Amino acid sequence: ADECILTTIPVGPVGALPRAVAVDKRGKIWACTH
C-alpha cells in the first residue's frame, strides 16, 4: 500500500535474470539481462 513505490514492470523473458541497471544523460533507463 506504500504510495512511494511508483511502478514495477517485467524485464525480458522468464529466467533472463536482469542484473544491470543505469540511467543515461537523456534520462532513459537501461536494464540488462544476464
PDB file of all heavy atoms in Angstrom:
ATOM      1  N   ALA A   1       0.816  -1.222   0.000  1.00  0.00           N
ATOM      2  CA  ALA A   1       0.000   0.000   0.000  1.00  0.00           C
ATOM      3  C   ALA A   1       0.844   1.264   0.000  1.00  0.00           C
ATOM      4  O   ALA A   1       0.298   2.372   0.020  1.00  0.00           O
ATOM      5  CB  ALA A   1      -0.936   0.004   1.207  1.00  0.00           C
ATOM      6  N   ASP A   2       2.170   1.120  -0.034  1.00  0.00           N
ATOM      7  CA  ASP A   2       3.054   2.290   0.002  1.00  0.00           C
ATOM      8  C   ASP A   2       2.960   3.065  -1.307  1.00  0.00           C
ATOM      9  O   ASP A   2       3.218   2.523  -2.392  1.00  0.00           O
ATOM     10  CB  ASP A   2       4.499   1.844   0.233  1.00  0.00           C
ATOM     11  CG  ASP A   2       5.382   2.977   0.714  1.00  0.00           C
ATOM     12  OD1 ASP A   2       5.436   4.013   0.014  1.00  0.00           O
ATOM     13  OD2 ASP A   2       6.014   2.833   1.770  1.00  0.00           O
ATOM     14  N   GLU A   3       2.584   4.329  -1.212  1.00  0.00           N
ATOM     15  CA  GLU A   3       2.335   5.143  -2.398  1.00  0.00           C
ATOM     16  C   GLU A   3       3.589   5.808  -2.960  1.00  0.00           C
ATOM     17  O   GLU A   3       3.505   6.582  -3.910  1.00  0.00           O
ATOM     18  CB  GLU A   3       1.252   6.174  -2.091  1.00  0.00           C
ATOM     19  CG  GLU A   3      -0.098   5.513  -1.827  1.00  0.00           C
ATOM     20  CD  GLU A   3      -1.189   6.466  -1.406  1.00  0.00           C
ATOM     21  OE1 GLU A   3      -0.892   7.529  -0.817  1.00  0.00           O
ATOM     22  OE2 GLU A   3      -2.370   6.139  -1.656  1.00  0.00           O
ATOM     23  N   CYS A   4       4.759   5.482  -2.385  1.00  0.00           N
ATOM     24  CA  CYS A   4       6.021   5.944  -2.954  1.00  0.00           C
ATOM     25  C   CYS A   4       6.755   4.836  -3.712  1.00  0.00           C
ATOM     26  O   CYS A   4       7.850   5.061  -4.229  1.00  0.00           O
ATOM     27  CB  CYS A   4       6.919   6.528  -1.872  1.00  0.00           C
ATOM     28  SG  CYS A   4       6.298   8.095  -1.212  1.00  0.00           S
ATOM     29  N   ILE A   5       6.160   3.637  -3.777  1.00  0.00           N
ATOM     30  CA  ILE A   5       6.602   2.643  -4.746  1.00  0.00           C
ATOM     31  C   ILE A   5       5.814   2.959  -6.006  1.00  0.00           C
ATOM     32  O   ILE A   5       4.594   2.819  -6.049  1.00  0.00           O
ATOM     33  CB  ILE A   5       6.317   1.204  -4.286  1.00  0.00           C
ATOM     34  CG1 ILE A   5       6.818   0.967  -2.866  1.00  0.00           C
ATOM     35  CG2 ILE A   5       6.976   0.209  -5.249  1.00  0.00           C
ATOM     36  CD1 ILE A   5       6.437  -0.400  -2.309  1.00  0.00           C
ATOM     37  N   LEU A   6       6.486   3.411  -7.045  1.00  0.00           N
ATOM     38  CA  LEU A   6       5.786   4.012  -8.175  1.00  0.00           C
ATOM     39  C   LEU A   6       5.348   3.008  -9.227  1.00  0.00           C
ATOM     40  O   LEU A   6       4.265   3.142  -9.793  1.00  0.00           O
ATOM     41  CB  LEU A   6       6.669   5.096  -8.800  1.00  0.00           C
ATOM     42  CG  LEU A   6       7.071   6.222  -7.842  1.00  0.00           C
ATOM     43  CD1 LEU A   6       7.934   7.253  -8.558  1.00  0.00           C
ATOM     44  CD2 LEU A   6       5.847   6.887  -7.225  1.00  0.00           C
ATOM     45  N   THR A   7       6.176   2.016  -9.517  1.00  0.00           N
ATOM     46  CA  THR A   7       5.772   1.036 -10.528  1.00  0.00           C
ATOM     47  C   THR A   7       6.697  -0.159 -10.488  1.00  0.00           C
ATOM     48  O   THR A   7       7.802  -0.108  -9.932  1.00  0.00           O
ATOM     49  CB  THR A   7       5.761   1.654 -11.943  1.00  0.00           C
ATOM     50  OG1 THR A   7       5.032   0.799 -12.833  1.00  0.00           O
ATOM     51  CG2 THR A   7       7.170   1.840 -12.478  1.00  0.00           C
ATOM     52  N   THR A   8       6.257  -1.242 -11.089  1.00  0.00           N
ATOM     53  CA  THR A   8       7.077  -2.425 -11.360  1.00  0.00           C
ATOM     54  C   THR A   8       6.707  -2.926 -12.749  1.00  0.00           C
ATOM     55  O   THR A   8       5.523  -3.035 -13.077  1.00  0.00           O
ATOM     56  CB  THR A   8       6.829  -3.542 -10.326  1.00  0.00           C
ATOM     57  OG1 THR A   8       7.271  -3.113  -9.039  1.00  0.00           O
ATOM     58  CG2 THR A   8       7.590  -4.817 -10.697  1.00  0.00           C
ATOM     59  N   ILE A   9       7.710  -3.218 -13.583  1.00  0.00           N
ATOM     60  CA  ILE A   9       7.460  -3.763 -14.915  1.00  0.00           C
ATOM     61  C   ILE A   9       8.342  -4.985 -15.129  1.00  0.00           C
ATOM     62  O   ILE A   9       9.447  -5.064 -14.588  1.00  0.00           O
ATOM     63  CB  ILE A   9       7.726  -2.738 -16.035  1.00  0.00           C
ATOM     64  CG1 ILE A   9       9.191  -2.296 -16.028  1.00  0.00           C
ATOM     65  CG2 ILE A   9       6.804  -1.534 -15.905  1.00  0.00           C
ATOM     66  CD1 ILE A   9       9.595  -1.489 -17.245  1.00  0.00           C
ATOM     67  N   PRO A  10       7.889  -5.984 -15.895  1.00  0.00           N
ATOM     68  CA  PRO A  10       8.745  -7.131 -16.203  1.00  0.00           C
ATOM     69  C   PRO A  10       9.872  -6.724 -17.140  1.00  0.00           C
ATOM     70  O   PRO A  10       9.722  -5.842 -17.977  1.00  0.00           O
ATOM     71  CB  PRO A  10       7.783  -8.116 -16.873  1.00  0.00           C
ATOM     72  CG  PRO A  10       6.700  -7.254 -17.448  1.00  0.00           C
ATOM     73  CD  PRO A  10       6.554  -6.091 -16.493  1.00  0.00           C
ATOM     74  N   VAL A  11      11.018  -7.365 -17.001  1.00  0.00           N
ATOM     75  CA  VAL A  11      12.174  -7.117 -17.870  1.00  0.00           C
ATOM     76  C   VAL A  11      12.604  -8.440 -18.491  1.00  0.00           C
ATOM     77  O   VAL A  11      12.960  -9.383 -17.776  1.00  0.00           O
ATOM     78  CB  VAL A  11      13.354  -6.505 -17.092  1.00  0.00           C
ATOM     79  CG1 VAL A  11      14.581  -6.392 -17.979  1.00  0.00           C
ATOM     80  CG2 VAL A  11      12.973  -5.145 -16.538  1.00  0.00           C
ATOM     81  N   GLY A  12      12.562  -8.513 -19.811  1.00  0.00           N
ATOM     82  CA  GLY A  12      13.000  -9.701 -20.513  1.00  0.00           C
ATOM     83  C   GLY A  12      12.087 -10.888 -20.284  1.00  0.00           C
ATOM     84  O   GLY A  12      11.098 -10.812 -19.541  1.00  0.00           O
ATOM     85  N   PRO A  13      12.402 -12.022 -20.887  1.00  0.00           N
ATOM     86  CA  PRO A  13      11.599 -13.231 -20.699  1.00  0.00           C
ATOM     87  C   PRO A  13      11.845 -13.865 -19.339  1.00  0.00           C
ATOM     88  O   PRO A  13      12.768 -13.491 -18.614  1.00  0.00           O
ATOM     89  CB  PRO A  13      12.079 -14.140 -21.834  1.00  0.00           C
ATOM     90  CG  PRO A  13      13.475 -13.694 -22.105  1.00  0.00           C
ATOM     91  CD  PRO A  13      13.478 -12.211 -21.872  1.00  0.00           C
ATOM     92  N   VAL A  14      11.019 -14.834 -18.985  1.00  0.00           N
ATOM     93  CA  VAL A  14      11.185 -15.578 -17.742  1.00  0.00           C
ATOM     94  C   VAL A  14      12.568 -16.223 -17.721  1.00  0.00           C
ATOM     95  O   VAL A  14      13.015 -16.811 -18.712  1.00  0.00           O
ATOM     96  CB  VAL A  14      10.082 -16.655 -17.609  1.00  0.00           C
ATOM     97  CG1 VAL A  14      10.395 -17.604 -16.453  1.00  0.00           C
ATOM     98  CG2 VAL A  14       8.733 -16.001 -17.403  1.00  0.00           C
ATOM     99  N   GLY A  15      13.254 -16.076 -16.584  1.00  0.00           N
ATOM    100  CA  GLY A  15      14.569 -16.677 -16.421  1.00  0.00           C
ATOM    101  C   GLY A  15      15.714 -15.910 -17.040  1.00  0.00           C
ATOM    102  O   GLY A  15      16.858 -16.381 -17.006  1.00  0.00           O
ATOM    103  N   ALA A  16      15.465 -14.711 -17.579  1.00  0.00           N
ATOM    104  CA  ALA A  16      16.542 -13.946 -18.232  1.00  0.00           C
ATOM    105  C   ALA A  16      17.494 -13.322 -17.230  1.00  0.00           C
ATOM    106  O   ALA A  16      18.621 -12.990 -17.568  1.00  0.00           O
ATOM    107  CB  ALA A  16      15.957 -12.875 -19.136  1.00  0.00           C
ATOM    108  N   LEU A  17      17.075 -13.130 -16.006  1.00  0.00           N
ATOM    109  CA  LEU A  17      17.911 -12.655 -14.898  1.00  0.00           C
ATOM    110  C   LEU A  17      18.462 -11.241 -15.117  1.00  0.00           C
ATOM    111  O   LEU A  17      19.639 -11.053 -15.431  1.00  0.00           O
ATOM    112  CB  LEU A  17      19.065 -13.633 -14.667  1.00  0.00           C
ATOM    113  CG  LEU A  17      19.896 -13.448 -13.389  1.00  0.00           C
ATOM    114  CD1 LEU A  17      19.036 -13.573 -12.151  1.00  0.00           C
ATOM    115  CD2 LEU A  17      21.014 -14.477 -13.342  1.00  0.00           C
ATOM    116  N   PRO A  18      17.627 -10.205 -14.959  1.00  0.00           N
ATOM    117  CA  PRO A  18      18.148  -8.834 -15.061  1.00  0.00           C
ATOM    118  C   PRO A  18      19.094  -8.521 -13.905  1.00  0.00           C
ATOM    119  O   PRO A  18      18.723  -8.641 -12.747  1.00  0.00           O
ATOM    120  CB  PRO A  18      16.885  -7.971 -15.007  1.00  0.00           C
ATOM    121  CG  PRO A  18      15.848  -8.820 -14.345  1.00  0.00           C
ATOM    122  CD  PRO A  18      16.181 -10.235 -14.700  1.00  0.00           C
ATOM    123  N   ARG A  19      20.320  -8.164 -14.250  1.00  0.00           N
ATOM    124  CA  ARG A  19      21.317  -7.847 -13.226  1.00  0.00           C
ATOM    125  C   ARG A  19      21.759  -6.389 -13.254  1.00  0.00           C
ATOM    126  O   ARG A  19      22.153  -5.844 -12.239  1.00  0.00           O
ATOM    127  CB  ARG A  19      22.559  -8.733 -13.405  1.00  0.00           C
ATOM    128  CG  ARG A  19      22.417 -10.159 -12.917  1.00  0.00           C
ATOM    129  CD  ARG A  19      23.783 -10.815 -12.877  1.00  0.00           C
ATOM    130  NE  ARG A  19      23.751 -12.212 -12.478  1.00  0.00           N
ATOM    131  CZ  ARG A  19      23.816 -12.633 -11.208  1.00  0.00           C
ATOM    132  NH1 ARG A  19      23.882 -11.761 -10.229  1.00  0.00           N
ATOM    133  NH2 ARG A  19      23.806 -13.922 -10.938  1.00  0.00           N
ATOM    134  N   ALA A  20      21.740  -5.748 -14.413  1.00  0.00           N
ATOM    135  CA  ALA A  20      22.332  -4.421 -14.560  1.00  0.00           C
ATOM    136  C   ALA A  20      21.257  -3.369 -14.761  1.00  0.00           C
ATOM    137  O   ALA A  20      20.247  -3.616 -15.425  1.00  0.00           O
ATOM    138  CB  ALA A  20      23.291  -4.413 -15.749  1.00  0.00           C
ATOM    139  N   VAL A  21      21.478  -2.161 -14.210  1.00  0.00           N
ATOM    140  CA  VAL A  21      20.564  -1.041 -14.426  1.00  0.00           C
ATOM    141  C   VAL A  21      21.354   0.259 -14.351  1.00  0.00           C
ATOM    142  O   VAL A  21      22.305   0.376 -13.575  1.00  0.00           O
ATOM    143  CB  VAL A  21      19.407  -1.043 -13.396  1.00  0.00           C
ATOM    144  CG1 VAL A  21      19.920  -0.804 -11.976  1.00  0.00           C
ATOM    145  CG2 VAL A  21      18.327  -0.034 -13.760  1.00  0.00           C
ATOM    146  N   ALA A  22      20.999   1.223 -15.204  1.00  0.00           N
ATOM    147  CA  ALA A  22      21.668   2.526 -15.219  1.00  0.00           C
ATOM    148  C   ALA A  22      20.746   3.530 -15.871  1.00  0.00           C
ATOM    149  O   ALA A  22      19.819   3.173 -16.611  1.00  0.00           O
ATOM    150  CB  ALA A  22      23.000   2.455 -15.970  1.00  0.00           C
ATOM    151  N   VAL A  23      20.982   4.820 -15.617  1.00  0.00           N
ATOM    152  CA  VAL A  23      20.232   5.888 -16.268  1.00  0.00           C
ATOM    153  C   VAL A  23      21.217   6.728 -17.073  1.00  0.00           C
ATOM    154  O   VAL A  23      22.315   7.032 -16.608  1.00  0.00           O
ATOM    155  CB  VAL A  23      19.459   6.752 -15.243  1.00  0.00           C
ATOM    156  CG1 VAL A  23      20.394   7.350 -14.198  1.00  0.00           C
ATOM    157  CG2 VAL A  23      18.668   7.854 -15.927  1.00  0.00           C
ATOM    158  N   ASP A  24      20.837   7.065 -18.320  1.00  0.00           N
ATOM    159  CA  ASP A  24      21.751   7.843 -19.149  1.00  0.00           C
ATOM    160  C   ASP A  24      21.459   9.335 -19.052  1.00  0.00           C
ATOM    161  O   ASP A  24      20.515   9.764 -18.393  1.00  0.00           O
ATOM    162  CB  ASP A  24      21.750   7.342 -20.600  1.00  0.00           C
ATOM    163  CG  ASP A  24      20.452   7.621 -21.358  1.00  0.00           C
ATOM    164  OD1 ASP A  24      19.779   8.635 -21.091  1.00  0.00           O
ATOM    165  OD2 ASP A  24      20.104   6.816 -22.254  1.00  0.00           O
ATOM    166  N   LYS A  25      22.282  10.153 -19.718  1.00  0.00           N
ATOM    167  CA  LYS A  25      22.182  11.604 -19.580  1.00  0.00           C
ATOM    168  C   LYS A  25      20.908  12.168 -20.195  1.00  0.00           C
ATOM    169  O   LYS A  25      20.548  13.317 -19.925  1.00  0.00           O
ATOM    170  CB  LYS A  25      23.403  12.273 -20.198  1.00  0.00           C
ATOM    171  CG  LYS A  25      23.476  12.200 -21.715  1.00  0.00           C
ATOM    172  CD  LYS A  25      24.686  12.951 -22.235  1.00  0.00           C
ATOM    173  CE  LYS A  25      24.693  13.050 -23.742  1.00  0.00           C
ATOM    174  NZ  LYS A  25      25.860  13.799 -24.247  1.00  0.00           N
ATOM    175  N   ARG A  26      20.209  11.384 -21.010  1.00  0.00           N
ATOM    176  CA  ARG A  26      18.919  11.807 -21.554  1.00  0.00           C
ATOM    177  C   ARG A  26      17.757  11.373 -20.661  1.00  0.00           C
ATOM    178  O   ARG A  26      16.599  11.571 -21.012  1.00  0.00           O
ATOM    179  CB  ARG A  26      18.739  11.265 -22.966  1.00  0.00           C
ATOM    180  CG  ARG A  26      19.704  11.870 -23.973  1.00  0.00           C
ATOM    181  CD  ARG A  26      19.530  11.262 -25.352  1.00  0.00           C
ATOM    182  NE  ARG A  26      20.406  11.900 -26.318  1.00  0.00           N
ATOM    183  CZ  ARG A  26      20.061  12.924 -27.099  1.00  0.00           C
ATOM    184  NH1 ARG A  26      18.839  13.418 -27.009  1.00  0.00           N
ATOM    185  NH2 ARG A  26      20.915  13.430 -27.950  1.00  0.00           N
ATOM    186  N   GLY A  27      18.074  10.746 -19.554  1.00  0.00           N
ATOM    187  CA  GLY A  27      17.034  10.333 -18.613  1.00  0.00           C
ATOM    188  C   GLY A  27      16.456   8.972 -18.890  1.00  0.00           C
ATOM    189  O   GLY A  27      15.543   8.535 -18.179  1.00  0.00           O
ATOM    190  N   LYS A  28      16.959   8.272 -19.911  1.00  0.00           N
ATOM    191  CA  LYS A  28      16.438   6.947 -20.234  1.00  0.00           C
ATOM    192  C   LYS A  28      17.008   5.907 -19.269  1.00  0.00           C
ATOM    193  O   LYS A  28      18.156   6.002 -18.828  1.00  0.00           O
ATOM    194  CB  LYS A  28      16.776   6.566 -21.673  1.00  0.00           C
ATOM    195  CG  LYS A  28      16.274   7.572 -22.710  1.00  0.00           C
ATOM    196  CD  LYS A  28      14.762   7.718 -22.670  1.00  0.00           C
ATOM    197  CE  LYS A  28      14.249   8.691 -23.718  1.00  0.00           C
ATOM    198  NZ  LYS A  28      14.367   8.177 -25.086  1.00  0.00           N
ATOM    199  N   ILE A  29      16.188   4.895 -18.971  1.00  0.00           N
ATOM    200  CA  ILE A  29      16.578   3.838 -18.050  1.00  0.00           C
ATOM    201  C   ILE A  29      16.990   2.603 -18.849  1.00  0.00           C
ATOM    202  O   ILE A  29      16.279   2.177 -19.762  1.00  0.00           O
ATOM    203  CB  ILE A  29      15.421   3.481 -17.099  1.00  0.00           C
ATOM    204  CG1 ILE A  29      14.869   4.744 -16.422  1.00  0.00           C
ATOM    205  CG2 ILE A  29      15.885   2.463 -16.054  1.00  0.00           C
ATOM    206  CD1 ILE A  29      15.877   5.530 -15.613  1.00  0.00           C
ATOM    207  N   TRP A  30      18.132   2.021 -18.477  1.00  0.00           N
ATOM    208  CA  TRP A  30      18.644   0.824 -19.125  1.00  0.00           C
ATOM    209  C   TRP A  30      18.665  -0.333 -18.134  1.00  0.00           C
ATOM    210  O   TRP A  30      19.093  -0.174 -16.994  1.00  0.00           O
ATOM    211  CB  TRP A  30      20.062   1.064 -19.637  1.00  0.00           C
ATOM    212  CG  TRP A  30      20.162   2.046 -20.755  1.00  0.00           C
ATOM    213  CD1 TRP A  30      20.135   3.410 -20.661  1.00  0.00           C
ATOM    214  CD2 TRP A  30      20.287   1.742 -22.149  1.00  0.00           C
ATOM    215  NE1 TRP A  30      20.244   3.972 -21.911  1.00  0.00           N
ATOM    216  CE2 TRP A  30      20.341   2.968 -22.849  1.00  0.00           C
ATOM    217  CE3 TRP A  30      20.384   0.555 -22.878  1.00  0.00           C
ATOM    218  CZ2 TRP A  30      20.485   3.038 -24.226  1.00  0.00           C
ATOM    219  CZ3 TRP A  30      20.521   0.616 -24.251  1.00  0.00           C
ATOM    220  CH2 TRP A  30      20.566   1.850 -24.920  1.00  0.00           C
ATOM    221  N   ALA A  31      18.209  -1.492 -18.578  1.00  0.00           N
ATOM    222  CA  ALA A  31      18.306  -2.711 -17.783  1.00  0.00           C
ATOM    223  C   ALA A  31      18.829  -3.820 -18.685  1.00  0.00           C
ATOM    224  O   ALA A  31      18.412  -3.936 -19.839  1.00  0.00           O
ATOM    225  CB  ALA A  31      16.948  -3.103 -17.206  1.00  0.00           C
ATOM    226  N   CYS A  32      19.764  -4.616 -18.173  1.00  0.00           N
ATOM    227  CA  CYS A  32      20.386  -5.674 -18.975  1.00  0.00           C
ATOM    228  C   CYS A  32      20.188  -7.025 -18.298  1.00  0.00           C
ATOM    229  O   CYS A  32      20.271  -7.141 -17.071  1.00  0.00           O
ATOM    230  CB  CYS A  32      21.876  -5.413 -19.154  1.00  0.00           C
ATOM    231  SG  CYS A  32      22.276  -3.810 -19.899  1.00  0.00           S
ATOM    232  N   THR A  33      19.941  -8.044 -19.116  1.00  0.00           N
ATOM    233  CA  THR A  33      19.659  -9.381 -18.618  1.00  0.00           C
ATOM    234  C   THR A  33      20.867 -10.290 -18.820  1.00  0.00           C
ATOM    235  O   THR A  33      21.434 -10.375 -19.909  1.00  0.00           O
ATOM    236  CB  THR A  33      18.424  -9.959 -19.316  1.00  0.00           C
ATOM    237  OG1 THR A  33      18.467  -9.657 -20.716  1.00  0.00           O
ATOM    238  CG2 THR A  33      17.158  -9.352 -18.738  1.00  0.00           C
ATOM    239  N   HIS A  34      21.224 -10.999 -17.751  1.00  0.00           N
ATOM    240  CA  HIS A  34      22.460 -11.772 -17.690  1.00  0.00           C
ATOM    241  C   HIS A  34      22.427 -13.009 -18.583  1.00  0.00           C
ATOM    242  O   HIS A  34      23.419 -13.346 -19.235  1.00  0.00           O
ATOM    243  CB  HIS A  34      22.699 -12.180 -16.229  1.00  0.00           C
ATOM    244  CG  HIS A  34      23.934 -12.969 -15.993  1.00  0.00           C
ATOM    245  ND1 HIS A  34      23.942 -14.348 -15.913  1.00  0.00           N
ATOM    246  CD2 HIS A  34      25.225 -12.589 -15.801  1.00  0.00           C
ATOM    247  CE1 HIS A  34      25.167 -14.774 -15.684  1.00  0.00           C
ATOM    248  NE2 HIS A  34      25.968 -13.729 -15.598  1.00  0.00           N
TER     249      HIS A  34
END
